[in-house]
Amino acid sequence: MSNLTVSEARDHLADVIDQARRKHEPVYLHRRGKRLAAVIDAEDLDRLIELAEEAADIAEARAALEEEGEPVPWEEVKVSLGL
């Protein structure tokens, strides 16, 4: 993991991008000691988004399973869906 100031990153942008892609680790950008942003490999970002979406789906499924209520008969479900 690397830490650079925004000015350093601006001066060496191509190197920052290459480092993030090659090492598959974020390069954090700071200004006045505060972390503002990160440069990461695009494929790593895609994987993170996919994992977050899967985690949200799992959480929703668990919540639905824990939800109490009366079962709905299949015939009633078909009618409500217009089948």
N, C-alpha and C. Protein backbone atom coordinates (compact mmCIF):
# COMPACT_ATOMS: atom_id res chain seq x y z
N MET A 1 0.85 -1.16 0.00
CA MET A 1 0.00 0.00 0.00
C MET A 1 0.90 1.22 0.00
N SER A 2 0.58 2.17 -0.87
CA SER A 2 1.36 3.39 -0.99
C SER A 2 0.53 4.59 -0.58
N ASN A 3 1.23 5.60 -0.11
CA ASN A 3 0.60 6.85 0.27
C ASN A 3 1.36 7.97 -0.41
N LEU A 4 0.64 8.82 -1.13
CA LEU A 4 1.25 9.95 -1.81
C LEU A 4 0.40 11.19 -1.59
N THR A 5 1.03 12.34 -1.69
CA THR A 5 0.24 13.55 -1.69
C THR A 5 -0.39 13.69 -3.07
N VAL A 6 -1.43 14.49 -3.15
CA VAL A 6 -2.08 14.72 -4.43
C VAL A 6 -1.08 15.33 -5.42
N SER A 7 -0.24 16.22 -4.94
CA SER A 7 0.77 16.85 -5.81
C SER A 7 1.75 15.82 -6.36
N GLU A 8 2.21 14.91 -5.50
CA GLU A 8 3.12 13.86 -5.96
C GLU A 8 2.44 12.97 -7.01
N ALA A 9 1.19 12.62 -6.75
CA ALA A 9 0.46 11.78 -7.70
C ALA A 9 0.28 12.49 -9.03
N ARG A 10 -0.02 13.78 -8.98
CA ARG A 10 -0.20 14.55 -10.21
C ARG A 10 1.09 14.56 -11.02
N ASP A 11 2.22 14.72 -10.34
CA ASP A 11 3.51 14.77 -11.02
C ASP A 11 3.93 13.43 -11.61
N HIS A 12 3.39 12.33 -11.07
CA HIS A 12 3.80 10.99 -11.49
C HIS A 12 2.59 10.09 -11.77
N LEU A 13 1.57 10.65 -12.40
CA LEU A 13 0.31 9.93 -12.56
C LEU A 13 0.47 8.59 -13.26
N ALA A 14 1.23 8.53 -14.34
CA ALA A 14 1.42 7.27 -15.06
C ALA A 14 2.04 6.22 -14.15
N ASP A 15 3.03 6.61 -13.34
CA ASP A 15 3.67 5.68 -12.41
C ASP A 15 2.70 5.21 -11.33
N VAL A 16 1.85 6.11 -10.85
CA VAL A 16 0.86 5.76 -9.82
C VAL A 16 -0.10 4.72 -10.37
N ILE A 17 -0.58 4.94 -11.58
CA ILE A 17 -1.50 3.99 -12.21
C ILE A 17 -0.82 2.64 -12.43
N ASP A 18 0.39 2.66 -12.93
CA ASP A 18 1.13 1.41 -13.15
C ASP A 18 1.33 0.65 -11.84
N GLN A 19 1.65 1.36 -10.77
CA GLN A 19 1.86 0.71 -9.48
C GLN A 19 0.57 0.05 -8.98
N ALA A 20 -0.54 0.75 -9.09
CA ALA A 20 -1.82 0.19 -8.64
C ALA A 20 -2.18 -1.05 -9.45
N ARG A 21 -1.94 -1.00 -10.75
CA ARG A 21 -2.27 -2.15 -11.61
C ARG A 21 -1.32 -3.31 -11.37
N ARG A 22 -0.04 -3.03 -11.22
CA ARG A 22 0.97 -4.08 -11.10
C ARG A 22 0.88 -4.79 -9.74
N LYS A 23 0.74 -4.02 -8.67
CA LYS A 23 0.74 -4.60 -7.32
C LYS A 23 -0.65 -5.02 -6.84
N HIS A 24 -1.68 -4.58 -7.55
CA HIS A 24 -3.06 -4.85 -7.11
C HIS A 24 -3.29 -4.39 -5.69
N GLU A 25 -2.72 -3.24 -5.35
CA GLU A 25 -2.92 -2.59 -4.06
C GLU A 25 -3.27 -1.13 -4.31
N PRO A 26 -4.12 -0.57 -3.48
CA PRO A 26 -4.48 0.83 -3.69
C PRO A 26 -3.31 1.77 -3.41
N VAL A 27 -3.31 2.89 -4.12
CA VAL A 27 -2.39 3.98 -3.85
C VAL A 27 -3.25 5.10 -3.29
N TYR A 28 -3.06 5.41 -2.00
CA TYR A 28 -3.88 6.42 -1.33
C TYR A 28 -3.30 7.80 -1.58
N LEU A 29 -4.20 8.75 -1.85
CA LEU A 29 -3.80 10.12 -2.10
C LEU A 29 -4.22 10.99 -0.92
N HIS A 30 -3.28 11.81 -0.45
CA HIS A 30 -3.50 12.65 0.72
C HIS A 30 -3.33 14.12 0.36
N ARG A 31 -4.03 14.96 1.10
CA ARG A 31 -3.82 16.40 1.03
C ARG A 31 -3.93 16.94 2.45
N ARG A 32 -2.90 17.65 2.87
CA ARG A 32 -2.83 18.22 4.23
C ARG A 32 -3.05 17.14 5.29
N GLY A 33 -2.47 15.96 5.04
CA GLY A 33 -2.53 14.88 6.01
C GLY A 33 -3.83 14.10 6.03
N LYS A 34 -4.77 14.47 5.18
CA LYS A 34 -6.06 13.78 5.16
C LYS A 34 -6.15 12.92 3.90
N ARG A 35 -6.54 11.65 4.07
CA ARG A 35 -6.70 10.75 2.93
C ARG A 35 -7.95 11.15 2.15
N LEU A 36 -7.77 11.40 0.85
CA LEU A 36 -8.87 11.90 0.02
C LEU A 36 -9.40 10.88 -0.97
N ALA A 37 -8.50 10.10 -1.55
CA ALA A 37 -8.91 9.21 -2.64
C ALA A 37 -7.92 8.06 -2.74
N ALA A 38 -8.26 7.12 -3.62
CA ALA A 38 -7.36 6.00 -3.88
C ALA A 38 -7.39 5.66 -5.35
N VAL A 39 -6.25 5.25 -5.86
CA VAL A 39 -6.16 4.76 -7.22
C VAL A 39 -6.04 3.25 -7.12
N ILE A 40 -6.97 2.53 -7.80
CA ILE A 40 -6.91 1.08 -7.78
C ILE A 40 -7.08 0.55 -9.20
N ASP A 41 -6.67 -0.68 -9.38
CA ASP A 41 -6.82 -1.35 -10.68
C ASP A 41 -8.30 -1.49 -11.00
N ALA A 42 -8.68 -1.24 -12.25
CA ALA A 42 -10.09 -1.30 -12.65
C ALA A 42 -10.69 -2.69 -12.45
N GLU A 43 -9.93 -3.74 -12.73
CA GLU A 43 -10.46 -5.10 -12.53
C GLU A 43 -10.66 -5.39 -11.05
N ASP A 44 -9.77 -4.87 -10.20
CA ASP A 44 -9.95 -5.04 -8.76
C ASP A 44 -11.23 -4.34 -8.31
N LEU A 45 -11.49 -3.15 -8.84
CA LEU A 45 -12.71 -2.43 -8.50
C LEU A 45 -13.94 -3.22 -8.94
N ASP A 46 -13.91 -3.78 -10.14
CA ASP A 46 -15.04 -4.59 -10.60
C ASP A 46 -15.31 -5.75 -9.66
N ARG A 47 -14.24 -6.41 -9.21
CA ARG A 47 -14.39 -7.54 -8.27
C ARG A 47 -14.98 -7.07 -6.94
N LEU A 48 -14.52 -5.92 -6.45
CA LEU A 48 -15.05 -5.38 -5.20
C LEU A 48 -16.53 -5.05 -5.31
N ILE A 49 -16.92 -4.47 -6.42
CA ILE A 49 -18.34 -4.14 -6.63
C ILE A 49 -19.17 -5.41 -6.68
N GLU A 50 -18.67 -6.42 -7.39
CA GLU A 50 -19.39 -7.69 -7.48
C GLU A 50 -19.53 -8.34 -6.10
N LEU A 51 -18.47 -8.32 -5.31
CA LEU A 51 -18.53 -8.90 -3.96
C LEU A 51 -19.51 -8.13 -3.07
N ALA A 52 -19.52 -6.81 -3.19
CA ALA A 52 -20.45 -6.00 -2.40
C ALA A 52 -21.89 -6.30 -2.78
N GLU A 53 -22.15 -6.45 -4.08
CA GLU A 53 -23.50 -6.78 -4.53
C GLU A 53 -23.92 -8.15 -4.04
N GLU A 54 -23.01 -9.12 -4.08
CA GLU A 54 -23.32 -10.46 -3.58
C GLU A 54 -23.60 -10.43 -2.08
N ALA A 55 -22.81 -9.67 -1.33
CA ALA A 55 -23.03 -9.56 0.12
C ALA A 55 -24.39 -8.94 0.42
N ALA A 56 -24.78 -7.93 -0.36
CA ALA A 56 -26.08 -7.30 -0.17
C ALA A 56 -27.20 -8.29 -0.48
N ASP A 57 -27.04 -9.08 -1.54
CA ASP A 57 -28.04 -10.09 -1.89
C ASP A 57 -28.18 -11.13 -0.79
N ILE A 58 -27.06 -11.56 -0.24
CA ILE A 58 -27.09 -12.55 0.84
C ILE A 58 -27.79 -11.98 2.07
N ALA A 59 -27.48 -10.72 2.41
CA ALA A 59 -28.12 -10.09 3.56
C ALA A 59 -29.63 -9.98 3.35
N GLU A 60 -30.05 -9.62 2.14
CA GLU A 60 -31.48 -9.53 1.85
C GLU A 60 -32.14 -10.90 1.93
N ALA A 61 -31.48 -11.92 1.44
CA ALA A 61 -32.04 -13.28 1.49
C ALA A 61 -32.18 -13.74 2.94
N ARG A 62 -31.16 -13.46 3.75
CA ARG A 62 -31.23 -13.85 5.17
C ARG A 62 -32.37 -13.12 5.87
N ALA A 63 -32.52 -11.84 5.58
CA ALA A 63 -33.60 -11.07 6.19
C ALA A 63 -34.96 -11.62 5.77
N ALA A 64 -35.08 -12.00 4.50
CA ALA A 64 -36.35 -12.56 4.02
C ALA A 64 -36.65 -13.89 4.70
N LEU A 65 -35.62 -14.70 4.92
CA LEU A 65 -35.83 -15.99 5.58
C LEU A 65 -36.24 -15.82 7.04
N GLU A 66 -35.73 -14.77 7.67
CA GLU A 66 -36.05 -14.52 9.08
C GLU A 66 -37.39 -13.83 9.26
N GLU A 67 -37.91 -13.26 8.18
CA GLU A 67 -39.17 -12.54 8.25
C GLU A 67 -40.31 -13.51 8.56
N GLU A 68 -41.07 -13.15 9.56
CA GLU A 68 -42.18 -14.01 9.92
C GLU A 68 -43.42 -13.60 9.14
N GLY A 69 -44.24 -14.53 8.88
CA GLY A 69 -45.48 -14.24 8.18
C GLY A 69 -46.14 -15.53 7.75
N GLU A 70 -47.35 -15.39 7.32
CA GLU A 70 -48.09 -16.55 6.86
C GLU A 70 -47.66 -16.92 5.45
N PRO A 71 -47.50 -18.21 5.17
CA PRO A 71 -47.19 -18.62 3.81
C PRO A 71 -48.33 -18.24 2.87
N VAL A 72 -47.99 -17.90 1.65
CA VAL A 72 -48.99 -17.54 0.64
C VAL A 72 -49.15 -18.74 -0.29
N PRO A 73 -50.37 -19.20 -0.47
CA PRO A 73 -50.58 -20.34 -1.36
C PRO A 73 -50.12 -20.02 -2.79
N TRP A 74 -49.61 -21.04 -3.47
CA TRP A 74 -49.08 -20.88 -4.81
C TRP A 74 -50.13 -20.32 -5.77
N GLU A 75 -51.34 -20.77 -5.67
CA GLU A 75 -52.40 -20.26 -6.54
C GLU A 75 -52.60 -18.76 -6.36
N GLU A 76 -52.51 -18.29 -5.14
CA GLU A 76 -52.67 -16.87 -4.87
C GLU A 76 -51.48 -16.07 -5.44
N VAL A 77 -50.30 -16.63 -5.37
CA VAL A 77 -49.11 -15.98 -5.93
C VAL A 77 -49.28 -15.84 -7.44
N LYS A 78 -49.71 -16.91 -8.09
CA LYS A 78 -49.90 -16.87 -9.54
C LYS A 78 -50.91 -15.81 -9.94
N VAL A 79 -52.01 -15.71 -9.20
CA VAL A 79 -53.02 -14.72 -9.52
C VAL A 79 -52.46 -13.30 -9.34
N SER A 80 -51.73 -13.07 -8.26
CA SER A 80 -51.18 -11.73 -8.02
C SER A 80 -50.13 -11.34 -9.06
N LEU A 81 -49.48 -12.33 -9.66
CA LEU A 81 -48.49 -12.06 -10.72
C LEU A 81 -49.11 -12.07 -12.11
N GLY A 82 -50.39 -12.37 -12.19
CA GLY A 82 -51.07 -12.41 -13.48
C GLY A 82 -50.70 -13.61 -14.32
N LEU A 83 -50.41 -14.71 -13.68
CA LEU A 83 -50.02 -15.93 -14.40
C LEU A 83 -51.19 -16.87 -14.56
